[in-house]
PDB file of N, CA and C in Angstrom:
ATOM      1  N   MET A   1      98.338  49.600 179.973  1.00  0.00           N
ATOM      2  CA  MET A   1      99.286  50.207 178.883  1.00  0.00           C
ATOM      3  C   MET A   1      99.216  49.262 178.135  1.00  0.00           C
ATOM      4  N   LYS A   2      99.605  47.903 178.264  1.00  0.00           N
ATOM      5  CA  LYS A   2     100.250  47.328 176.973  1.00  0.00           C
ATOM      6  C   LYS A   2      99.031  47.258 175.959  1.00  0.00           C
ATOM      7  N   HIS A   3      97.483  47.140 176.541  1.00  0.00           N
ATOM      8  CA  HIS A   3      96.703  46.762 175.862  1.00  0.00           C
ATOM      9  C   HIS A   3      96.439  48.114 174.781  1.00  0.00           C
ATOM     10  N   HIS A   4      96.683  49.400 174.711  1.00  0.00           N
ATOM     11  CA  HIS A   4      96.295  50.644 174.286  1.00  0.00           C
ATOM     12  C   HIS A   4      97.362  50.505 173.095  1.00  0.00           C
ATOM     13  N   LEU A   5      98.538  49.731 173.182  1.00  0.00           N
ATOM     14  CA  LEU A   5      99.686  49.785 172.207  1.00  0.00           C
ATOM     15  C   LEU A   5      99.109  49.527 170.673  1.00  0.00           C
ATOM     16  N   PRO A   6      98.354  48.338 170.358  1.00  0.00           N
ATOM     17  CA  PRO A   6      97.971  48.092 169.219  1.00  0.00           C
ATOM     18  C   PRO A   6      96.824  48.963 168.568  1.00  0.00           C
ATOM     19  N   LYS A   7      95.939  49.661 169.660  1.00  0.00           N
ATOM     20  CA  LYS A   7      95.075  50.587 169.408  1.00  0.00           C
ATOM     21  C   LYS A   7      95.474  51.962 168.972  1.00  0.00           C
ATOM     22  N   TYR A   8      97.173  52.390 169.037  1.00  0.00           N
ATOM     23  CA  TYR A   8      97.386  53.313 168.777  1.00  0.00           C
ATOM     24  C   TYR A   8      98.440  53.139 167.456  1.00  0.00           C
ATOM     25  N   GLY A   9      98.991  52.135 167.348  1.00  0.00           N
ATOM     26  CA  GLY A   9      99.354  52.027 165.877  1.00  0.00           C
ATOM     27  C   GLY A   9      98.404  51.771 164.974  1.00  0.00           C
ATOM     28  N   ILE A  10      97.118  51.126 165.047  1.00  0.00           N
ATOM     29  CA  ILE A  10      96.285  51.299 164.125  1.00  0.00           C
ATOM     30  C   ILE A  10      95.811  52.656 163.654  1.00  0.00           C
ATOM     31  N   ILE A  11      95.856  53.305 164.557  1.00  0.00           N
ATOM     32  CA  ILE A  11      95.317  54.926 164.536  1.00  0.00           C
ATOM     33  C   ILE A  11      96.620  55.554 163.663  1.00  0.00           C
ATOM     34  N   LEU A  12      97.700  55.639 164.123  1.00  0.00           N
ATOM     35  CA  LEU A  12      98.821  55.956 163.401  1.00  0.00           C
ATOM     36  C   LEU A  12      98.933  55.252 162.164  1.00  0.00           C
ATOM     37  N   THR A  13      98.772  54.215 161.968  1.00  0.00           N
ATOM     38  CA  THR A  13      98.884  53.332 160.443  1.00  0.00           C
ATOM     39  C   THR A  13      97.488  54.198 159.585  1.00  0.00           C
ATOM     40  N   LEU A  14      96.157  54.161 160.088  1.00  0.00           N
ATOM     41  CA  LEU A  14      95.512  55.131 159.542  1.00  0.00           C
ATOM     42  C   LEU A  14      95.655  56.819 159.058  1.00  0.00           C
ATOM     43  N   LEU A  15      96.067  57.197 160.019  1.00  0.00           N
ATOM     44  CA  LEU A  15      96.566  58.703 159.713  1.00  0.00           C
ATOM     45  C   LEU A  15      97.555  59.111 158.714  1.00  0.00           C
ATOM     46  N   ALA A  16      98.950  57.876 158.521  1.00  0.00           N
ATOM     47  CA  ALA A  16      99.568  58.100 157.667  1.00  0.00           C
ATOM     48  C   ALA A  16      99.195  57.731 156.308  1.00  0.00           C
ATOM     49  N   ILE A  17      98.303  56.962 156.521  1.00  0.00           N
ATOM     50  CA  ILE A  17      97.817  56.457 154.879  1.00  0.00           C
ATOM     51  C   ILE A  17      96.843  57.654 154.150  1.00  0.00           C
ATOM     52  N   ALA A  18      95.975  58.058 155.338  1.00  0.00           N
ATOM     53  CA  ALA A  18      95.269  59.624 155.150  1.00  0.00           C
ATOM     54  C   ALA A  18      95.983  60.741 154.794  1.00  0.00           C
ATOM     55  N   LEU A  19      97.236  60.778 155.569  1.00  0.00           N
ATOM     56  CA  LEU A  19      98.125  61.994 154.731  1.00  0.00           C
ATOM     57  C   LEU A  19      99.085  61.716 153.195  1.00  0.00           C
ATOM     58  N   VAL A  20      99.163  60.075 153.163  1.00  0.00           N
ATOM     59  CA  VAL A  20      99.814  59.787 151.967  1.00  0.00           C
ATOM     60  C   VAL A  20      98.708  59.993 150.489  1.00  0.00           C
ATOM     61  N   ALA A  21      97.583  59.801 151.055  1.00  0.00           N
ATOM     62  CA  ALA A  21      96.380  59.766 149.875  1.00  0.00           C
ATOM     63  C   ALA A  21      96.249  61.231 150.116  1.00  0.00           C
ATOM     64  N   GLY A  22      96.236  61.834 150.930  1.00  0.00           N
ATOM     65  CA  GLY A  22      95.687  63.694 150.574  1.00  0.00           C
ATOM     66  C   GLY A  22      96.996  64.136 150.043  1.00  0.00           C
ATOM     67  N   PHE A  23      98.014  63.891 150.153  1.00  0.00           N
ATOM     68  CA  PHE A  23      99.510  64.367 149.192  1.00  0.00           C
ATOM     69  C   PHE A  23      98.976  64.066 147.644  1.00  0.00           C
ATOM     70  N   ILE A  24      98.951  62.712 147.910  1.00  0.00           N
ATOM     71  CA  ILE A  24      98.924  62.614 146.228  1.00  0.00           C
ATOM     72  C   ILE A  24      97.787  63.062 145.319  1.00  0.00           C
ATOM     73  N   MET A  25      96.633  63.248 146.148  1.00  0.00           N
ATOM     74  CA  MET A  25      95.267  63.516 145.647  1.00  0.00           C
ATOM     75  C   MET A  25      95.698  65.979 145.212  1.00  0.00           C
ATOM     76  N   LEU A  26      96.220  65.990 145.889  1.00  0.00           N
ATOM     77  CA  LEU A  26      96.802  67.618 146.446  1.00  0.00           C
ATOM     78  C   LEU A  26      97.545  67.558 144.516  1.00  0.00           C
ATOM     79  N   HIS A  27      98.696  66.661 144.693  1.00  0.00           N
ATOM     80  CA  HIS A  27      99.715  66.988 143.711  1.00  0.00           C
ATOM     81  C   HIS A  27      99.074  66.746 141.910  1.00  0.00           C
ATOM     82  N   HIS A  28      98.367  65.238 142.242  1.00  0.00           N
ATOM     83  CA  HIS A  28      98.145  64.638 141.275  1.00  0.00           C
ATOM     84  C   HIS A  28      96.629  64.788 140.507  1.00  0.00           C
ATOM     85  N   GLY A  29      95.812  64.985 141.834  1.00  0.00           N
ATOM     86  CA  GLY A  29      94.142  65.509 141.134  1.00  0.00           C
ATOM     87  C   GLY A  29      94.349  66.792 140.502  1.00  0.00           C
ATOM     88  N   GLY A  30      94.964  67.511 140.804  1.00  0.00           N
ATOM     89  CA  GLY A  30      94.272  68.854 140.559  1.00  0.00           C
ATOM     90  C   GLY A  30      95.051  69.140 138.880  1.00  0.00           C
ATOM     91  N   GLY A  31      95.927  68.454 138.240  1.00  0.00           N
ATOM     92  CA  GLY A  31      96.087  68.021 137.316  1.00  0.00           C
ATOM     93  C   GLY A  31      95.450  68.425 136.002  1.00  0.00           C
ATOM     94  N   ALA A  32      94.365  67.618 135.838  1.00  0.00           N
ATOM     95  CA  ALA A  32      93.123  67.799 135.115  1.00  0.00           C
ATOM     96  C   ALA A  32      92.603  69.038 134.851  1.00  0.00           C
ATOM     97  N   GLU A  33      92.078  69.824 136.266  1.00  0.00           N
ATOM     98  CA  GLU A  33      91.303  70.885 136.096  1.00  0.00           C
ATOM     99  C   GLU A  33      92.548  71.982 135.539  1.00  0.00           C
ATOM    100  N   LYS A  34      94.013  72.340 135.630  1.00  0.00           N
ATOM    101  CA  LYS A  34      94.792  72.721 135.223  1.00  0.00           C
ATOM    102  C   LYS A  34      95.291  72.445 133.175  1.00  0.00           C
ATOM    103  N   GLU A  35      94.935  71.702 133.228  1.00  0.00           N
ATOM    104  CA  GLU A  35      95.092  71.015 131.624  1.00  0.00           C
ATOM    105  C   GLU A  35      94.253  71.689 130.535  1.00  0.00           C
ATOM    106  N   ASN A  36      92.712  71.997 131.799  1.00  0.00           N
ATOM    107  CA  ASN A  36      91.771  72.787 131.124  1.00  0.00           C
ATOM    108  C   ASN A  36      91.211  74.217 130.946  1.00  0.00           C
ATOM    109  N   LEU A  37      92.517  74.741 131.285  1.00  0.00           N
ATOM    110  CA  LEU A  37      92.593  75.938 131.323  1.00  0.00           C
ATOM    111  C   LEU A  37      93.425  76.848 130.108  1.00  0.00           C
ATOM    112  N   LEU A  38      92.734  78.229 129.495  1.00  0.00           N
ATOM    113  CA  LEU A  38      93.544  78.933 128.576  1.00  0.00           C
ATOM    114  C   LEU A  38      93.846  80.057 129.825  1.00  0.00           C
ATOM    115  N   TYR A  39      94.496  80.881 129.167  1.00  0.00           N
ATOM    116  CA  TYR A  39      94.453  82.286 129.731  1.00  0.00           C
ATOM    117  C   TYR A  39      94.134  83.430 128.675  1.00  0.00           C
ATOM    118  N   THR A  40      93.256  84.501 128.873  1.00  0.00           N
ATOM    119  CA  THR A  40      93.436  85.355 127.970  1.00  0.00           C
ATOM    120  C   THR A  40      93.278  86.942 129.016  1.00  0.00           C
ATOM    121  N   CYS A  41      93.513  87.803 127.642  1.00  0.00           N
ATOM    122  CA  CYS A  41      93.406  89.080 128.587  1.00  0.00           C
ATOM    123  C   CYS A  41      91.803  89.413 128.434  1.00  0.00           C
ATOM    124  N   PRO A  42      91.955  90.311 129.658  1.00  0.00           N
ATOM    125  CA  PRO A  42      90.086  90.695 129.731  1.00  0.00           C
ATOM    126  C   PRO A  42      90.349  92.329 128.579  1.00  0.00           C
ATOM    127  N   MET A  43      90.925  93.109 128.152  1.00  0.00           N
ATOM    128  CA  MET A  43      91.166  93.767 127.106  1.00  0.00           C
ATOM    129  C   MET A  43      90.960  93.191 126.046  1.00  0.00           C
ATOM    130  N   HIS A  44      91.537  92.323 125.519  1.00  0.00           N
ATOM    131  CA  HIS A  44      91.953  91.947 124.170  1.00  0.00           C
ATOM    132  C   HIS A  44      91.612  90.401 124.039  1.00  0.00           C
ATOM    133  N   PRO A  45      90.500  90.000 124.257  1.00  0.00           N
ATOM    134  CA  PRO A  45      89.738  88.453 124.185  1.00  0.00           C
ATOM    135  C   PRO A  45      90.460  87.300 123.118  1.00  0.00           C
ATOM    136  N   GLN A  46      91.411  88.498 121.836  1.00  0.00           N
ATOM    137  CA  GLN A  46      91.763  87.510 120.567  1.00  0.00           C
ATOM    138  C   GLN A  46      92.634  87.461 121.311  1.00  0.00           C
ATOM    139  N   ILE A  47      93.571  87.581 122.418  1.00  0.00           N
ATOM    140  CA  ILE A  47      94.759  86.883 122.966  1.00  0.00           C
ATOM    141  C   ILE A  47      94.706  85.588 123.507  1.00  0.00           C
ATOM    142  N   VAL A  48      95.006  84.682 123.827  1.00  0.00           N
ATOM    143  CA  VAL A  48      94.769  83.669 124.341  1.00  0.00           C
ATOM    144  C   VAL A  48      96.222  82.523 124.371  1.00  0.00           C
ATOM    145  N   LYS A  49      96.246  82.100 125.208  1.00  0.00           N
ATOM    146  CA  LYS A  49      97.858  81.838 125.687  1.00  0.00           C
ATOM    147  C   LYS A  49      97.145  80.115 126.672  1.00  0.00           C
ATOM    148  N   ASP A  50      98.645  79.281 126.203  1.00  0.00           N
ATOM    149  CA  ASP A  50      98.250  78.178 127.333  1.00  0.00           C
ATOM    150  C   ASP A  50      98.629  78.388 128.583  1.00  0.00           C
ATOM    151  N   LYS A  51      99.179  79.053 129.276  1.00  0.00           N
ATOM    152  CA  LYS A  51     100.026  79.653 130.418  1.00  0.00           C
ATOM    153  C   LYS A  51      99.773  80.492 130.337  1.00  0.00           C
ATOM    154  N   PRO A  52      99.926  81.036 132.118  1.00  0.00           N
ATOM    155  CA  PRO A  52      99.758  82.278 132.481  1.00  0.00           C
ATOM    156  C   PRO A  52     101.054  83.230 131.972  1.00  0.00           C
ATOM    157  N   GLY A  53     100.708  84.778 132.258  1.00  0.00           N
ATOM    158  CA  GLY A  53     101.537  85.628 131.209  1.00  0.00           C
ATOM    159  C   GLY A  53     100.932  86.777 131.885  1.00  0.00           C
ATOM    160  N   ASP A  54     101.718  87.800 130.907  1.00  0.00           N
ATOM    161  CA  ASP A  54     100.925  88.806 130.368  1.00  0.00           C
ATOM    162  C   ASP A  54     100.377  89.107 128.996  1.00  0.00           C
ATOM    163  N   CYS A  55      99.911  90.245 128.697  1.00  0.00           N
ATOM    164  CA  CYS A  55      99.106  90.210 127.328  1.00  0.00           C
ATOM    165  C   CYS A  55     100.115  91.306 126.182  1.00  0.00           C
ATOM    166  N   PRO A  56     100.618  90.628 124.877  1.00  0.00           N
ATOM    167  CA  PRO A  56     101.306  91.318 124.513  1.00  0.00           C
ATOM    168  C   PRO A  56     101.211  92.474 123.872  1.00  0.00           C
ATOM    169  N   ILE A  57      99.948  93.094 123.794  1.00  0.00           N
ATOM    170  CA  ILE A  57      99.323  94.437 123.738  1.00  0.00           C
ATOM    171  C   ILE A  57      99.245  95.164 124.521  1.00  0.00           C
ATOM    172  N   CYS A  58      99.002  95.079 125.978  1.00  0.00           N
ATOM    173  CA  CYS A  58      98.877  96.149 126.905  1.00  0.00           C
ATOM    174  C   CYS A  58      99.789  95.588 128.168  1.00  0.00           C
ATOM    175  N   GLY A  59     100.285  94.699 128.027  1.00  0.00           N
ATOM    176  CA  GLY A  59     100.944  94.398 129.560  1.00  0.00           C
ATOM    177  C   GLY A  59     100.119  93.685 130.626  1.00  0.00           C
ATOM    178  N   MET A  60      98.579  93.388 130.623  1.00  0.00           N
ATOM    179  CA  MET A  60      97.689  93.135 131.610  1.00  0.00           C
ATOM    180  C   MET A  60      97.787  91.356 132.004  1.00  0.00           C
ATOM    181  N   LYS A  61      98.166  91.413 133.153  1.00  0.00           N
ATOM    182  CA  LYS A  61      98.125  89.719 133.207  1.00  0.00           C
ATOM    183  C   LYS A  61      96.922  89.259 132.447  1.00  0.00           C
ATOM    184  N   LEU A  62      97.247  88.055 132.357  1.00  0.00           N
ATOM    185  CA  LEU A  62      95.987  87.490 131.463  1.00  0.00           C
ATOM    186  C   LEU A  62      95.609  86.541 132.650  1.00  0.00           C
ATOM    187  N   VAL A  63      93.810  86.494 132.343  1.00  0.00           N
ATOM    188  CA  VAL A  63      93.270  85.393 133.261  1.00  0.00           C
ATOM    189  C   VAL A  63      93.168  84.410 132.857  1.00  0.00           C
ATOM    190  N   PRO A  64      92.906  83.018 133.713  1.00  0.00           N
ATOM    191  CA  PRO A  64      92.183  82.066 133.557  1.00  0.00           C
ATOM    192  C   PRO A  64      90.672  81.812 133.139  1.00  0.00           C
ATOM    193  N   VAL A  65      90.458  80.774 131.842  1.00  0.00           N
ATOM    194  CA  VAL A  65      88.987  80.868 131.156  1.00  0.00           C
ATOM    195  C   VAL A  65      89.187  79.133 131.019  1.00  0.00           C
ATOM    196  N   LYS A  66      88.448  78.320 131.310  1.00  0.00           N
ATOM    197  CA  LYS A  66      88.134  77.336 130.807  1.00  0.00           C
ATOM    198  C   LYS A  66      87.914  77.087 129.092  1.00  0.00           C
ATOM    199  N   LYS A  67      88.793  75.957 128.999  1.00  0.00           N
ATOM    200  CA  LYS A  67      88.530  75.503 127.219  1.00  0.00           C
ATOM    201  C   LYS A  67      87.418  75.710 126.865  1.00  0.00           C
ATOM    202  N   ASP A  68      86.420  75.343 127.602  1.00  0.00           N
ATOM    203  CA  ASP A  68      85.002  74.551 126.772  1.00  0.00           C
ATOM    204  C   ASP A  68      83.881  76.259 127.183  1.00  0.00           C
ATOM    205  N   GLU A  69      84.333  77.361 127.855  1.00  0.00           N
ATOM    206  CA  GLU A  69      84.071  78.415 127.862  1.00  0.00           C
ATOM    207  C   GLU A  69      83.796  79.480 126.692  1.00  0.00           C
ATOM    208  N   PRO A  70      83.121  80.022 126.296  1.00  0.00           N
ATOM    209  CA  PRO A  70      83.381  81.127 125.314  1.00  0.00           C
ATOM    210  C   PRO A  70      84.086  82.384 125.889  1.00  0.00           C
ATOM    211  N   VAL A  71      85.445  82.720 125.499  1.00  0.00           N
ATOM    212  CA  VAL A  71      85.629  84.020 125.491  1.00  0.00           C
ATOM    213  C   VAL A  71      84.997  85.177 125.046  1.00  0.00           C
ATOM    214  N   GLU A  72      84.519  85.894 126.544  1.00  0.00           N
ATOM    215  CA  GLU A  72      84.045  87.095 126.394  1.00  0.00           C
ATOM    216  C   GLU A  72      84.272  87.866 125.081  1.00  0.00           C
ATOM    217  N   GLY A  73      82.962  88.599 124.385  1.00  0.00           N
ATOM    218  CA  GLY A  73      83.362  89.300 123.155  1.00  0.00           C
ATOM    219  C   GLY A  73      83.893  88.494 122.005  1.00  0.00           C
ATOM    220  N   GLY A  74      83.945  87.358 122.252  1.00  0.00           N
ATOM    221  CA  GLY A  74      84.290  86.262 120.894  1.00  0.00           C
ATOM    222  C   GLY A  74      82.799  85.792 120.273  1.00  0.00           C
ATOM    223  N   GLN A  75      83.151  85.405 119.052  1.00  0.00           N
ATOM    224  CA  GLN A  75      82.064  84.590 118.238  1.00  0.00           C
ATOM    225  C   GLN A  75      81.123  83.404 119.381  1.00  0.00           C
ATOM    226  N   ALA A  76      79.958  83.495 118.975  1.00  0.00           N
ATOM    227  CA  ALA A  76      79.176  82.397 119.369  1.00  0.00           C
ATOM    228  C   ALA A  76      79.741  81.217 118.914  1.00  0.00           C
ATOM    229  N   GLY A  77      79.889  80.309 120.136  1.00  0.00           N
ATOM    230  CA  GLY A  77      80.453  78.784 119.469  1.00  0.00           C
ATOM    231  C   GLY A  77      82.054  78.960 119.590  1.00  0.00           C
ATOM    232  N   HIS A  78      82.591  80.283 119.402  1.00  0.00           N
ATOM    233  CA  HIS A  78      84.084  79.736 119.048  1.00  0.00           C
ATOM    234  C   HIS A  78      84.858  79.427 120.586  1.00  0.00           C
ATOM    235  N   ARG A  79      85.465  78.819 120.135  1.00  0.00           N
ATOM    236  CA  ARG A  79      86.409  77.608 120.896  1.00  0.00           C
ATOM    237  C   ARG A  79      87.788  78.841 121.167  1.00  0.00           C
ATOM    238  N   PRO A  80      88.310  79.061 122.065  1.00  0.00           N
ATOM    239  CA  PRO A  80      89.601  79.556 122.092  1.00  0.00           C
ATOM    240  C   PRO A  80      90.768  78.579 122.102  1.00  0.00           C
ATOM    241  N   ARG A  81      91.827  79.197 121.383  1.00  0.00           N
ATOM    242  CA  ARG A  81      93.040  78.024 120.986  1.00  0.00           C
ATOM    243  C   ARG A  81      94.131  78.997 121.200  1.00  0.00           C
ATOM    244  N   PRO A  82      94.910  78.043 121.589  1.00  0.00           N
ATOM    245  CA  PRO A  82      96.785  78.775 122.395  1.00  0.00           C
ATOM    246  C   PRO A  82      96.980  79.747 120.940  1.00  0.00           C
ATOM    247  N   CYS A  83      97.689  80.811 121.865  1.00  0.00           N
ATOM    248  CA  CYS A  83      98.444  81.698 120.832  1.00  0.00           C
ATOM    249  C   CYS A  83      99.896  81.033 120.357  1.00  0.00           C
ATOM    250  N   THR A  84     100.242  80.963 118.999  1.00  0.00           N
ATOM    251  CA  THR A  84     101.349  80.292 118.971  1.00  0.00           C
ATOM    252  C   THR A  84     102.562  81.091 119.027  1.00  0.00           C
ATOM    253  N   GLY A  85     102.451  82.481 118.925  1.00  0.00           N
ATOM    254  CA  GLY A  85     103.696  83.273 119.390  1.00  0.00           C
ATOM    255  C   GLY A  85     102.905  84.840 119.131  1.00  0.00           C
ATOM    256  N   PRO A  86     103.947  85.756 119.073  1.00  0.00           N
ATOM    257  CA  PRO A  86     103.576  87.116 119.081  1.00  0.00           C
ATOM    258  C   PRO A  86     102.635  87.491 118.018  1.00  0.00           C
ATOM    259  N   PRO A  87     101.654  88.663 118.241  1.00  0.00           N
ATOM    260  CA  PRO A  87     100.719  89.416 117.382  1.00  0.00           C
ATOM    261  C   PRO A  87     101.868  89.571 116.124  1.00  0.00           C
TER     262      PRO A  87
END
C-alpha cells in the first residue's frame, strides 16, 4: 500500500493542475470572442450596440454579430459601429 501513495499523489496533482487550467481558460479565454461581438436588431439593422439588450425601436432582443461581419441589409463593406445613444 505504501508504494501506491506516490502514484496517487502524482495523479491528484495532475488532476488539480488540469482543473485550474480549465478554470483559467473558461474565465479568461472566452473574453477575446466577446470583445469581437456587437449586437443588432434583426428588424432594424441600423441599430448596433456593444452589449446585449432590446431594440429601442421595436423592443426585440438584439442578436450577436461579429464586428467583422457585415450586418444583413447593410451596405457592402459597411462595418457596424456601436450606437452611442438613443436614436
